[in-house]
C-alpha atoms as a PDB file:
ATOM      1  CA  MET A   1       8.839  14.811 -24.821  1.00  0.00           C
ATOM      2  CA  SER A   2       8.762  18.231 -26.510  1.00  0.00           C
ATOM      3  CA  THR A   3       6.893  16.748 -29.505  1.00  0.00           C
ATOM      4  CA  PHE A   4       4.223  15.365 -27.187  1.00  0.00           C
ATOM      5  CA  LEU A   5       3.767  18.660 -25.405  1.00  0.00           C
ATOM      6  CA  THR A   6       3.086  20.478 -28.656  1.00  0.00           C
ATOM      7  CA  LEU A   7       0.286  18.010 -29.349  1.00  0.00           C
ATOM      8  CA  THR A   8      -1.480  18.798 -26.047  1.00  0.00           C
ATOM      9  CA  ALA A   9      -1.218  22.490 -25.430  1.00  0.00           C
ATOM     10  CA  PRO A  10      -2.094  23.534 -21.882  1.00  0.00           C
ATOM     11  CA  ASN A  11      -4.757  26.030 -22.934  1.00  0.00           C
ATOM     12  CA  SER A  12      -6.743  23.661 -25.142  1.00  0.00           C
ATOM     13  CA  SER A  13      -9.370  21.136 -24.107  1.00  0.00           C
ATOM     14  CA  THR A  14      -8.783  17.631 -25.456  1.00  0.00           C
ATOM     15  CA  SER A  15     -10.119  14.176 -24.796  1.00  0.00           C
ATOM     16  CA  MET A  16      -7.773  11.548 -23.423  1.00  0.00           C
ATOM     17  CA  ALA A  17      -4.636  11.287 -25.550  1.00  0.00           C
ATOM     18  CA  PRO A  18      -3.352   7.881 -26.689  1.00  0.00           C
ATOM     19  CA  THR A  19      -0.459   8.097 -24.209  1.00  0.00           C
ATOM     20  CA  PHE A  20       0.616   9.502 -20.863  1.00  0.00           C
ATOM     21  CA  LEU A  21       4.200  10.400 -20.035  1.00  0.00           C
ATOM     22  CA  LEU A  22       5.767   9.117 -16.801  1.00  0.00           C
ATOM     23  CA  VAL A  23       8.635  10.583 -14.789  1.00  0.00           C
ATOM     24  CA  GLY A  24      11.483   8.280 -13.847  1.00  0.00           C
ATOM     25  CA  MET A  25      14.229   8.708 -11.283  1.00  0.00           C
ATOM     26  CA  PRO A  26      16.604  11.332 -12.744  1.00  0.00           C
ATOM     27  CA  GLY A  27      20.077   9.986 -13.476  1.00  0.00           C
ATOM     28  CA  MET A  28      19.056   6.316 -13.427  1.00  0.00           C
ATOM     29  CA  SER A  29      19.142   6.063 -17.230  1.00  0.00           C
ATOM     30  CA  ALA A  30      22.949   6.264 -16.976  1.00  0.00           C
ATOM     31  CA  VAL A  31      23.056   3.085 -14.857  1.00  0.00           C
ATOM     32  CA  PRO A  32      20.052   1.071 -16.133  1.00  0.00           C
ATOM     33  CA  SER A  33      21.429  -2.361 -15.238  1.00  0.00           C
ATOM     34  CA  TRP A  34      22.020  -1.543 -11.564  1.00  0.00           C
ATOM     35  CA  TRP A  35      18.640   0.154 -11.207  1.00  0.00           C
ATOM     36  CA  THR A  36      16.906  -2.775 -12.895  1.00  0.00           C
ATOM     37  CA  ILE A  37      18.652  -5.286 -10.624  1.00  0.00           C
ATOM     38  CA  PHE A  38      17.622  -3.226  -7.589  1.00  0.00           C
ATOM     39  CA  LEU A  39      13.947  -3.109  -8.655  1.00  0.00           C
ATOM     40  CA  ILE A  40      13.826  -6.827  -9.437  1.00  0.00           C
ATOM     41  CA  ALA A  41      15.531  -7.631  -6.113  1.00  0.00           C
ATOM     42  CA  VAL A  42      13.022  -5.480  -4.193  1.00  0.00           C
ATOM     43  CA  TYR A  43      10.113  -7.178  -5.958  1.00  0.00           C
ATOM     44  CA  LEU A  44      11.410 -10.722  -5.478  1.00  0.00           C
ATOM     45  CA  LEU A  45      12.212 -10.112  -1.806  1.00  0.00           C
ATOM     46  CA  SER A  46       8.726  -8.639  -1.297  1.00  0.00           C
ATOM     47  CA  VAL A  47       7.080 -11.671  -2.890  1.00  0.00           C
ATOM     48  CA  LEU A  48       9.326 -14.082  -0.989  1.00  0.00           C
ATOM     49  CA  GLY A  49       8.747 -12.395   2.380  1.00  0.00           C
ATOM     50  CA  ASN A  50       4.983 -12.071   2.024  1.00  0.00           C
ATOM     51  CA  GLY A  51       4.730 -15.540   0.509  1.00  0.00           C
ATOM     52  CA  THR A  52       6.529 -16.963   3.539  1.00  0.00           C
ATOM     53  CA  ILE A  53       4.096 -15.206   5.882  1.00  0.00           C
ATOM     54  CA  LEU A  54       1.137 -16.657   3.947  1.00  0.00           C
ATOM     55  CA  TRP A  55       2.752 -20.124   3.955  1.00  0.00           C
ATOM     56  CA  ILE A  56       3.356 -20.122   7.719  1.00  0.00           C
ATOM     57  CA  ILE A  57      -0.152 -18.884   8.544  1.00  0.00           C
ATOM     58  CA  ALA A  58      -1.749 -21.447   6.223  1.00  0.00           C
ATOM     59  CA  LEU A  59       0.226 -24.381   7.664  1.00  0.00           C
ATOM     60  CA  GLU A  60       0.035 -23.538  11.382  1.00  0.00           C
ATOM     61  CA  SER A  61      -3.435 -24.118  12.808  1.00  0.00           C
ATOM     62  CA  ALA A  62      -2.425 -22.200  15.952  1.00  0.00           C
ATOM     63  CA  LEU A  63      -2.212 -19.057  13.800  1.00  0.00           C
ATOM     64  CA  HIS A  64      -5.753 -19.367  12.462  1.00  0.00           C
ATOM     65  CA  ARG A  65      -6.889 -16.402  14.538  1.00  0.00           C
ATOM     66  CA  PRO A  66      -8.236 -12.942  13.562  1.00  0.00           C
ATOM     67  CA  MET A  67      -4.930 -11.098  13.937  1.00  0.00           C
ATOM     68  CA  TYR A  68      -3.095 -13.542  11.660  1.00  0.00           C
ATOM     69  CA  PHE A  69      -5.943 -13.726   9.166  1.00  0.00           C
ATOM     70  CA  PHE A  70      -5.711  -9.942   8.749  1.00  0.00           C
ATOM     71  CA  LEU A  71      -1.937 -10.309   8.437  1.00  0.00           C
ATOM     72  CA  SER A  72      -2.433 -12.741   5.548  1.00  0.00           C
ATOM     73  CA  LEU A  73      -4.712 -10.198   3.848  1.00  0.00           C
ATOM     74  CA  LEU A  74      -2.012  -7.572   4.343  1.00  0.00           C
ATOM     75  CA  SER A  75       0.512  -9.861   2.626  1.00  0.00           C
ATOM     76  CA  VAL A  76      -1.861 -10.384  -0.307  1.00  0.00           C
ATOM     77  CA  SER A  77      -2.329  -6.625  -0.729  1.00  0.00           C
ATOM     78  CA  ASP A  78       1.443  -6.063  -0.498  1.00  0.00           C
ATOM     79  CA  VAL A  79       2.184  -8.591  -3.250  1.00  0.00           C
ATOM     80  CA  GLY A  80      -0.620  -7.174  -5.402  1.00  0.00           C
ATOM     81  CA  LEU A  81       0.604  -3.599  -4.962  1.00  0.00           C
ATOM     82  CA  ALA A  82       4.219  -4.453  -5.795  1.00  0.00           C
ATOM     83  CA  THR A  83       3.100  -6.448  -8.858  1.00  0.00           C
ATOM     84  CA  ALA A  84       0.900  -3.612 -10.145  1.00  0.00           C
ATOM     85  CA  LEU A  85       3.778  -1.116  -9.922  1.00  0.00           C
ATOM     86  CA  MET A  86       6.444  -3.187 -11.669  1.00  0.00           C
ATOM     87  CA  PRO A  87       5.406  -2.889 -15.370  1.00  0.00           C
ATOM     88  CA  THR A  88       6.049   0.861 -15.670  1.00  0.00           C
ATOM     89  CA  LEU A  89       8.996   0.848 -13.234  1.00  0.00           C
ATOM     90  CA  LEU A  90      10.768  -1.866 -15.219  1.00  0.00           C
ATOM     91  CA  GLY A  91       9.789  -0.206 -18.494  1.00  0.00           C
ATOM     92  CA  LEU A  92      11.515   2.990 -17.363  1.00  0.00           C
ATOM     93  CA  ALA A  93      14.539   1.087 -16.053  1.00  0.00           C
ATOM     94  CA  LEU A  94      15.027  -1.281 -18.993  1.00  0.00           C
ATOM     95  CA  ALA A  95      13.956   0.779 -21.995  1.00  0.00           C
ATOM     96  CA  ASP A  96      13.555   4.352 -20.702  1.00  0.00           C
ATOM     97  CA  ALA A  97       9.897   3.969 -21.761  1.00  0.00           C
ATOM     98  CA  HIS A  98       8.219   7.164 -20.531  1.00  0.00           C
ATOM     99  CA  ALA A  99       5.202   6.910 -22.857  1.00  0.00           C
ATOM    100  CA  VAL A 100       2.415   4.611 -21.646  1.00  0.00           C
ATOM    101  CA  PRO A 101      -0.802   3.923 -23.616  1.00  0.00           C
ATOM    102  CA  ALA A 102      -3.854   5.401 -21.954  1.00  0.00           C
ATOM    103  CA  SER A 103      -5.550   1.994 -21.650  1.00  0.00           C
ATOM    104  CA  ALA A 104      -2.508   0.481 -19.906  1.00  0.00           C
ATOM    105  CA  CYS A 105      -2.240   3.540 -17.671  1.00  0.00           C
ATOM    106  CA  LEU A 106      -5.877   3.240 -16.596  1.00  0.00           C
ATOM    107  CA  LEU A 107      -5.446  -0.479 -15.920  1.00  0.00           C
ATOM    108  CA  GLN A 108      -2.370   0.091 -13.762  1.00  0.00           C
ATOM    109  CA  MET A 109      -4.074   2.970 -11.969  1.00  0.00           C
ATOM    110  CA  PHE A 110      -7.032   0.739 -11.099  1.00  0.00           C
ATOM    111  CA  PHE A 111      -4.963  -2.089  -9.607  1.00  0.00           C
ATOM    112  CA  VAL A 112      -2.490   0.184  -7.791  1.00  0.00           C
ATOM    113  CA  HIS A 113      -5.318   1.974  -6.020  1.00  0.00           C
ATOM    114  CA  VAL A 114      -7.376  -1.172  -5.380  1.00  0.00           C
ATOM    115  CA  PHE A 115      -4.453  -2.778  -3.545  1.00  0.00           C
ATOM    116  CA  SER A 116      -3.568   0.517  -1.804  1.00  0.00           C
ATOM    117  CA  ILE A 117      -7.116   0.856  -0.466  1.00  0.00           C
ATOM    118  CA  MET A 118      -7.062  -2.834   0.465  1.00  0.00           C
ATOM    119  CA  GLU A 119      -3.844  -2.323   2.437  1.00  0.00           C
ATOM    120  CA  SER A 120      -5.248   0.738   4.176  1.00  0.00           C
ATOM    121  CA  SER A 121      -8.472  -1.125   5.018  1.00  0.00           C
ATOM    122  CA  VAL A 122      -6.547  -4.115   6.395  1.00  0.00           C
ATOM    123  CA  LEU A 123      -4.373  -1.847   8.554  1.00  0.00           C
ATOM    124  CA  LEU A 124      -7.590  -0.293   9.871  1.00  0.00           C
ATOM    125  CA  ALA A 125      -9.072  -3.729  10.625  1.00  0.00           C
ATOM    126  CA  MET A 126      -5.856  -4.780  12.391  1.00  0.00           C
ATOM    127  CA  ALA A 127      -5.939  -1.621  14.522  1.00  0.00           C
ATOM    128  CA  LEU A 128      -9.518  -2.325  15.576  1.00  0.00           C
ATOM    129  CA  ASP A 129      -8.559  -5.951  16.287  1.00  0.00           C
ATOM    130  CA  ARG A 130      -5.733  -4.833  18.612  1.00  0.00           C
ATOM    131  CA  ALA A 131      -7.980  -2.233  20.272  1.00  0.00           C
ATOM    132  CA  LEU A 132     -10.622  -4.866  21.048  1.00  0.00           C
ATOM    133  CA  ALA A 133      -8.037  -7.399  22.243  1.00  0.00           C
ATOM    134  CA  ILE A 134      -6.453  -4.909  24.686  1.00  0.00           C
ATOM    135  CA  CYS A 135      -9.441  -2.760  25.690  1.00  0.00           C
ATOM    136  CA  ARG A 136     -12.084  -5.529  25.817  1.00  0.00           C
ATOM    137  CA  PRO A 137     -10.109  -8.768  26.374  1.00  0.00           C
ATOM    138  CA  LEU A 138     -13.039 -10.656  27.957  1.00  0.00           C
ATOM    139  CA  HIS A 139     -15.415  -9.839  25.087  1.00  0.00           C
ATOM    140  CA  TYR A 140     -12.828 -10.247  22.309  1.00  0.00           C
ATOM    141  CA  PRO A 141     -13.570 -13.928  21.448  1.00  0.00           C
ATOM    142  CA  THR A 142     -17.307 -13.279  21.181  1.00  0.00           C
ATOM    143  CA  LEU A 143     -16.940 -10.030  19.221  1.00  0.00           C
ATOM    144  CA  LEU A 144     -14.538 -11.249  16.519  1.00  0.00           C
ATOM    145  CA  THR A 145     -16.036 -14.588  15.537  1.00  0.00           C
ATOM    146  CA  ASN A 146     -15.296 -16.354  12.240  1.00  0.00           C
ATOM    147  CA  ASP A 147     -18.560 -15.014  10.828  1.00  0.00           C
ATOM    148  CA  VAL A 148     -17.608 -11.440  11.724  1.00  0.00           C
ATOM    149  CA  ILE A 149     -14.112 -11.888  10.249  1.00  0.00           C
ATOM    150  CA  SER A 150     -15.646 -13.154   6.979  1.00  0.00           C
ATOM    151  CA  LYS A 151     -17.941 -10.124   6.792  1.00  0.00           C
ATOM    152  CA  ILE A 152     -15.055  -7.744   7.476  1.00  0.00           C
ATOM    153  CA  SER A 153     -13.004  -9.422   4.725  1.00  0.00           C
ATOM    154  CA  LEU A 154     -15.842  -9.096   2.224  1.00  0.00           C
ATOM    155  CA  ALA A 155     -16.316  -5.465   3.207  1.00  0.00           C
ATOM    156  CA  ILE A 156     -12.597  -4.818   2.578  1.00  0.00           C
ATOM    157  CA  VAL A 157     -12.795  -6.405  -0.889  1.00  0.00           C
ATOM    158  CA  PHE A 158     -16.015  -4.604  -1.869  1.00  0.00           C
ATOM    159  CA  ARG A 159     -14.681  -1.308  -0.565  1.00  0.00           C
ATOM    160  CA  SER A 160     -11.414  -1.641  -2.490  1.00  0.00           C
ATOM    161  CA  LEU A 161     -13.128  -2.575  -5.749  1.00  0.00           C
ATOM    162  CA  GLY A 162     -16.247  -0.438  -5.388  1.00  0.00           C
ATOM    163  CA  LEU A 163     -14.469   2.837  -4.775  1.00  0.00           C
ATOM    164  CA  HIS A 164     -12.331   2.478  -7.895  1.00  0.00           C
ATOM    165  CA  LEU A 165     -14.580   0.756 -10.433  1.00  0.00           C
ATOM    166  CA  PRO A 166     -16.007   4.095 -11.710  1.00  0.00           C
ATOM    167  CA  MET A 167     -12.591   5.770 -11.892  1.00  0.00           C
ATOM    168  CA  PRO A 168     -11.214   4.351 -15.196  1.00  0.00           C
ATOM    169  CA  PHE A 169     -14.483   5.236 -16.998  1.00  0.00           C
ATOM    170  CA  LEU A 170     -14.540   8.767 -15.563  1.00  0.00           C
ATOM    171  CA  LEU A 171     -10.890   9.394 -16.441  1.00  0.00           C
ATOM    172  CA  ALA A 172     -11.312   7.975 -19.950  1.00  0.00           C
ATOM    173  CA  HIS A 173     -14.050  10.501 -20.767  1.00  0.00           C
ATOM    174  CA  MET A 174     -12.681  13.562 -18.970  1.00  0.00           C
ATOM    175  CA  PRO A 175     -11.594  16.646 -20.947  1.00  0.00           C
ATOM    176  CA  TYR A 176      -7.907  17.483 -20.426  1.00  0.00           C
ATOM    177  CA  CYS A 177      -6.588  21.047 -20.508  1.00  0.00           C
ATOM    178  CA  ARG A 178      -2.956  20.398 -19.573  1.00  0.00           C
ATOM    179  CA  PRO A 179      -0.141  18.383 -21.137  1.00  0.00           C
ATOM    180  CA  GLN A 180      -0.607  14.757 -20.154  1.00  0.00           C
ATOM    181  CA  VAL A 181       2.690  14.466 -18.306  1.00  0.00           C
ATOM    182  CA  LEU A 182       2.425  12.708 -14.944  1.00  0.00           C
ATOM    183  CA  THR A 183       4.640  13.415 -11.928  1.00  0.00           C
ATOM    184  CA  HIS A 184       5.239   9.778 -10.911  1.00  0.00           C
ATOM    185  CA  SER A 185       6.710   6.602 -12.393  1.00  0.00           C
ATOM    186  CA  TYR A 186       3.268   4.955 -12.396  1.00  0.00           C
ATOM    187  CA  CYS A 187      -0.310   5.998 -13.068  1.00  0.00           C
ATOM    188  CA  LEU A 188      -2.259   7.404 -10.093  1.00  0.00           C
ATOM    189  CA  HIS A 189      -5.711   8.957 -10.330  1.00  0.00           C
ATOM    190  CA  PRO A 190      -4.927  12.147  -8.310  1.00  0.00           C
ATOM    191  CA  ASP A 191      -2.038  12.733 -10.715  1.00  0.00           C
ATOM    192  CA  MET A 192      -4.245  12.158 -13.760  1.00  0.00           C
ATOM    193  CA  THR A 193      -7.152  14.308 -12.555  1.00  0.00           C
ATOM    194  CA  ARG A 194      -4.700  17.167 -11.960  1.00  0.00           C
ATOM    195  CA  LEU A 195      -4.461  17.431 -15.755  1.00  0.00           C
ATOM    196  CA  ALA A 196      -8.238  17.670 -16.264  1.00  0.00           C
ATOM    197  CA  CYS A 197     -10.118  20.816 -17.143  1.00  0.00           C
ATOM    198  CA  PRO A 198     -11.702  22.694 -14.200  1.00  0.00           C
ATOM    199  CA  GLY A 199     -15.050  21.278 -13.099  1.00  0.00           C
ATOM    200  CA  ALA A 200     -14.478  17.736 -14.383  1.00  0.00           C
ATOM    201  CA  TRP A 201     -16.498  15.191 -12.381  1.00  0.00           C
ATOM    202  CA  GLY A 202     -13.608  12.756 -12.352  1.00  0.00           C
ATOM    203  CA  ALA A 203     -11.547  15.174 -10.269  1.00  0.00           C
ATOM    204  CA  VAL A 204     -14.391  15.539  -7.742  1.00  0.00           C
ATOM    205  CA  TYR A 205     -14.807  11.774  -7.436  1.00  0.00           C
ATOM    206  CA  SER A 206     -11.045  11.286  -7.121  1.00  0.00           C
ATOM    207  CA  LEU A 207     -10.993  13.700  -4.170  1.00  0.00           C
ATOM    208  CA  PHE A 208     -13.921  11.826  -2.587  1.00  0.00           C
ATOM    209  CA  VAL A 209     -12.064   8.495  -2.899  1.00  0.00           C
ATOM    210  CA  VAL A 210      -8.892   9.905  -1.349  1.00  0.00           C
ATOM    211  CA  LEU A 211     -10.715  11.520   1.586  1.00  0.00           C
ATOM    212  CA  SER A 212     -13.044   8.564   2.260  1.00  0.00           C
ATOM    213  CA  ALA A 213     -10.189   6.069   2.444  1.00  0.00           C
ATOM    214  CA  MET A 214      -6.709   7.505   2.827  1.00  0.00           C
ATOM    215  CA  GLY A 215      -8.053  10.447   4.826  1.00  0.00           C
ATOM    216  CA  LEU A 216     -10.453   8.569   7.117  1.00  0.00           C
ATOM    217  CA  ASP A 217      -8.500   5.373   7.788  1.00  0.00           C
ATOM    218  CA  PRO A 218      -5.412   6.888   9.486  1.00  0.00           C
ATOM    219  CA  LEU A 219      -7.635   9.026  11.711  1.00  0.00           C
ATOM    220  CA  VAL A 220      -9.531   5.951  12.962  1.00  0.00           C
ATOM    221  CA  ILE A 221      -6.270   4.004  13.351  1.00  0.00           C
ATOM    222  CA  PHE A 222      -4.615   6.678  15.474  1.00  0.00           C
ATOM    223  CA  PHE A 223      -7.835   7.078  17.494  1.00  0.00           C
ATOM    224  CA  SER A 224      -7.704   3.310  18.180  1.00  0.00           C
ATOM    225  CA  TYR A 225      -4.122   3.645  19.368  1.00  0.00           C
ATOM    226  CA  GLY A 226      -5.181   6.503  21.605  1.00  0.00           C
ATOM    227  CA  LEU A 227      -7.630   4.128  23.298  1.00  0.00           C
ATOM    228  CA  ILE A 228      -4.927   1.452  23.527  1.00  0.00           C
ATOM    229  CA  GLY A 229      -2.484   3.934  25.075  1.00  0.00           C
ATOM    230  CA  ARG A 230      -5.022   4.939  27.711  1.00  0.00           C
ATOM    231  CA  VAL A 231      -5.591   1.291  28.669  1.00  0.00           C
ATOM    232  CA  LEU A 232      -1.844   0.580  28.786  1.00  0.00           C
ATOM    233  CA  GLN A 233      -1.325   3.475  31.205  1.00  0.00           C
ATOM    234  CA  GLY A 234      -3.799   1.844  33.577  1.00  0.00           C
ATOM    235  CA  LEU A 235      -1.967  -1.480  33.673  1.00  0.00           C
ATOM    236  CA  GLY A 236      -0.269  -2.183  36.976  1.00  0.00           C
ATOM    237  CA  SER A 237       3.275  -3.234  36.110  1.00  0.00           C
ATOM    238  CA  SER A 238       5.635  -1.994  33.440  1.00  0.00           C
ATOM    239  CA  GLU A 239       6.168  -5.619  32.371  1.00  0.00           C
ATOM    240  CA  ASN A 240       2.475  -5.978  31.523  1.00  0.00           C
ATOM    241  CA  ARG A 241       2.557  -2.701  29.602  1.00  0.00           C
ATOM    242  CA  TRP A 242       5.614  -3.890  27.692  1.00  0.00           C
ATOM    243  CA  LYS A 243       4.026  -7.230  26.744  1.00  0.00           C
ATOM    244  CA  ALA A 244       0.796  -5.562  25.607  1.00  0.00           C
ATOM    245  CA  GLY A 245       2.705  -2.881  23.717  1.00  0.00           C
ATOM    246  CA  GLN A 246       4.834  -5.437  21.884  1.00  0.00           C
ATOM    247  CA  THR A 247       1.716  -6.954  20.306  1.00  0.00           C
ATOM    248  CA  CYS A 248       1.077  -3.581  18.638  1.00  0.00           C
ATOM    249  CA  ALA A 249       4.668  -2.644  17.746  1.00  0.00           C
ATOM    250  CA  ALA A 250       4.797  -4.379  14.355  1.00  0.00           C
ATOM    251  CA  HIS A 251       1.403  -3.051  13.285  1.00  0.00           C
ATOM    252  CA  LEU A 252       2.153   0.521  14.387  1.00  0.00           C
ATOM    253  CA  SER A 253       5.454   0.403  12.478  1.00  0.00           C
ATOM    254  CA  ALA A 254       3.621  -0.813   9.356  1.00  0.00           C
ATOM    255  CA  VAL A 255       1.095   2.011   9.749  1.00  0.00           C
ATOM    256  CA  LEU A 256       3.845   4.638   9.975  1.00  0.00           C
ATOM    257  CA  PHE A 257       5.758   3.237   6.976  1.00  0.00           C
ATOM    258  CA  PHE A 258       2.562   3.288   4.886  1.00  0.00           C
ATOM    259  CA  TYR A 259       0.970   6.594   5.859  1.00  0.00           C
ATOM    260  CA  VAL A 260       3.823   8.996   6.706  1.00  0.00           C
ATOM    261  CA  PRO A 261       5.320   9.136   3.159  1.00  0.00           C
ATOM    262  CA  MET A 262       1.798   9.397   1.722  1.00  0.00           C
ATOM    263  CA  ILE A 263       0.908  12.326   4.011  1.00  0.00           C
ATOM    264  CA  LEU A 264       4.203  14.051   3.185  1.00  0.00           C
ATOM    265  CA  LEU A 265       3.544  13.657  -0.551  1.00  0.00           C
ATOM    266  CA  ALA A 266       0.012  15.022  -0.148  1.00  0.00           C
ATOM    267  CA  LEU A 267       1.262  18.059   1.803  1.00  0.00           C
ATOM    268  CA  ILE A 268       4.042  18.729  -0.719  1.00  0.00           C
ATOM    269  CA  ASP A 269       1.593  18.596  -3.633  1.00  0.00           C
ATOM    270  CA  HIS A 270      -1.151  20.577  -1.884  1.00  0.00           C
ATOM    271  CA  LEU A 271       1.134  23.306  -0.520  1.00  0.00           C
ATOM    272  CA  ARG A 272       3.242  23.287  -3.717  1.00  0.00           C
ATOM    273  CA  VAL A 273       6.443  22.928  -1.715  1.00  0.00           C
ATOM    274  CA  PRO A 274       9.390  23.416  -4.115  1.00  0.00           C
ATOM    275  CA  ILE A 275      11.426  20.237  -3.635  1.00  0.00           C
ATOM    276  CA  PRO A 276      13.760  18.665  -6.237  1.00  0.00           C
ATOM    277  CA  GLN A 277      12.136  16.132  -8.555  1.00  0.00           C
ATOM    278  CA  PRO A 278      14.491  13.307  -7.404  1.00  0.00           C
ATOM    279  CA  ALA A 279      13.359  13.847  -3.778  1.00  0.00           C
ATOM    280  CA  HIS A 280       9.687  13.775  -4.832  1.00  0.00           C
ATOM    281  CA  THR A 281      10.190  10.591  -6.866  1.00  0.00           C
ATOM    282  CA  LEU A 282      12.185   8.916  -4.086  1.00  0.00           C
ATOM    283  CA  LEU A 283       9.480   9.692  -1.504  1.00  0.00           C
ATOM    284  CA  SER A 284       6.904   8.165  -3.849  1.00  0.00           C
ATOM    285  CA  TYR A 285       9.024   5.009  -4.178  1.00  0.00           C
ATOM    286  CA  VAL A 286       9.330   4.809  -0.388  1.00  0.00           C
ATOM    287  CA  HIS A 287       5.547   5.039   0.004  1.00  0.00           C
ATOM    288  CA  PHE A 288       4.739   2.300  -2.510  1.00  0.00           C
ATOM    289  CA  LEU A 289       7.761  -0.032  -2.498  1.00  0.00           C
ATOM    290  CA  LEU A 290       8.935   0.008   1.127  1.00  0.00           C
ATOM    291  CA  PRO A 291       5.822  -1.450   2.877  1.00  0.00           C
ATOM    292  CA  PRO A 292       5.688  -4.669   0.781  1.00  0.00           C
ATOM    293  CA  LEU A 293       9.399  -5.165   1.443  1.00  0.00           C
ATOM    294  CA  ILE A 294       9.533  -4.244   5.131  1.00  0.00           C
ATOM    295  CA  ASN A 295       6.203  -5.584   6.468  1.00  0.00           C
ATOM    296  CA  PRO A 296       7.223  -9.289   6.431  1.00  0.00           C
ATOM    297  CA  ILE A 297      10.451  -8.362   8.246  1.00  0.00           C
ATOM    298  CA  LEU A 298       8.571  -6.338  10.871  1.00  0.00           C
ATOM    299  CA  TYR A 299       6.072  -9.099  11.606  1.00  0.00           C
ATOM    300  CA  SER A 300       8.730 -11.827  11.593  1.00  0.00           C
ATOM    301  CA  VAL A 301      10.914  -9.925  14.080  1.00  0.00           C
ATOM    302  CA  LYS A 302       8.252  -8.398  16.329  1.00  0.00           C
ATOM    303  CA  MET A 303       5.707 -11.228  16.536  1.00  0.00           C
ATOM    304  CA  LYS A 304       7.073 -14.135  18.562  1.00  0.00           C
ATOM    305  CA  GLU A 305       4.576 -16.726  17.283  1.00  0.00           C
ATOM    306  CA  ILE A 306       5.349 -15.978  13.641  1.00  0.00           C
ATOM    307  CA  ARG A 307       9.099 -15.977  14.286  1.00  0.00           C
ATOM    308  CA  GLU A 308       9.136 -19.245  16.245  1.00  0.00           C
ATOM    309  CA  ARG A 309       6.976 -21.135  13.764  1.00  0.00           C
ATOM    310  CA  MET A 310       8.945 -19.787  10.832  1.00  0.00           C
ATOM    311  CA  LEU A 311      12.225 -20.955  12.363  1.00  0.00           C
ATOM    312  CA  LYS A 312      10.677 -24.311  13.206  1.00  0.00           C
ATOM    313  CA  ARG A 313       9.525 -24.833   9.609  1.00  0.00           C
ATOM    314  CA  LEU A 314      12.833 -23.695   8.111  1.00  0.00           C
ATOM    315  CA  GLN A 315      15.040 -25.842  10.350  1.00  0.00           C
ATOM    316  CA  PRO A 316      16.261 -29.076   8.724  1.00  0.00           C
ATOM    317  CA  ARG A 317      14.572 -32.129  10.142  1.00  0.00           C
ATOM    318  CA  LYS A 318      16.813 -34.560  12.020  1.00  0.00           C
ATOM    319  CA  VAL A 319      16.559 -38.119  10.816  1.00  0.00           C
ATOM    320  CA  GLY A 320      17.399 -40.693  13.497  1.00  0.00           C
ATOM    321  CA  CYS A 321      18.632 -44.239  12.982  1.00  0.00           C
ATOM    322  CA  ALA A 322      16.700 -47.076  14.509  1.00  0.00           C
ATOM    323  CA  GLN A 323      18.706 -49.264  16.845  1.00  0.00           C
END
């Protein structure tokens, strides 16, 4: 690492170097096999869980409704996010490969953020779906028609891709004034723009992307839950409030698992809170790796229709003998 730092002195302006340096979990190089097994297990369980959700929703016609369609999109974004993260995580675990070519770093950065924005957008759509279902139950079927769901899905895809298409080109042509050492185990555009010279347009656009998606979405989601909470307070019996609240429990848990670590990381970086590097890296892993792993469990446990149909499909079929 010291050789690399001498090549990119912090006071000089350089174009993008051939490589970026990633930060792994300190101490894991001493136990690479266990750490590798853990990462592979997390990835395989994430794919298996989200794949099962997609399989159940595709097979059960009773689940072909807006809420479950958005859930299938959430599973797709979870699998995509976990897949985009694995190359550098496994490279660090298997070969202690901290150096990543700039082209590979930009490619990973693009897909990580595309699927992150997709997940955030789907969580926003699911929050609005629950708000309409609880606050406007009589108008819900006419408001969220198949045509509207298709348009929302296209908007999510175009938003995810459109916001990040310019980013690799901007980052590739930015001048860098700091050593190109990143603070995560994967390539993220806020981390990369932090190394740019003052006044670089890429840094301005990166801030716009973060605020327009990760800043706006949680505000709208929590506003939607404020409306839901007000409606639930007006329901007559506690049993009705409990039933209505249970339909939102899995989604609210997914929202908290996705946004709380992200907000903590943003505050730590913005306020320059002096925390140990292992704690910073672990919080980053929680933000990116926990949602794809935990979301299928949340929705399988909390949503009765998913749970019942999953158990029905997984039970062995009884074969009777004709008399």
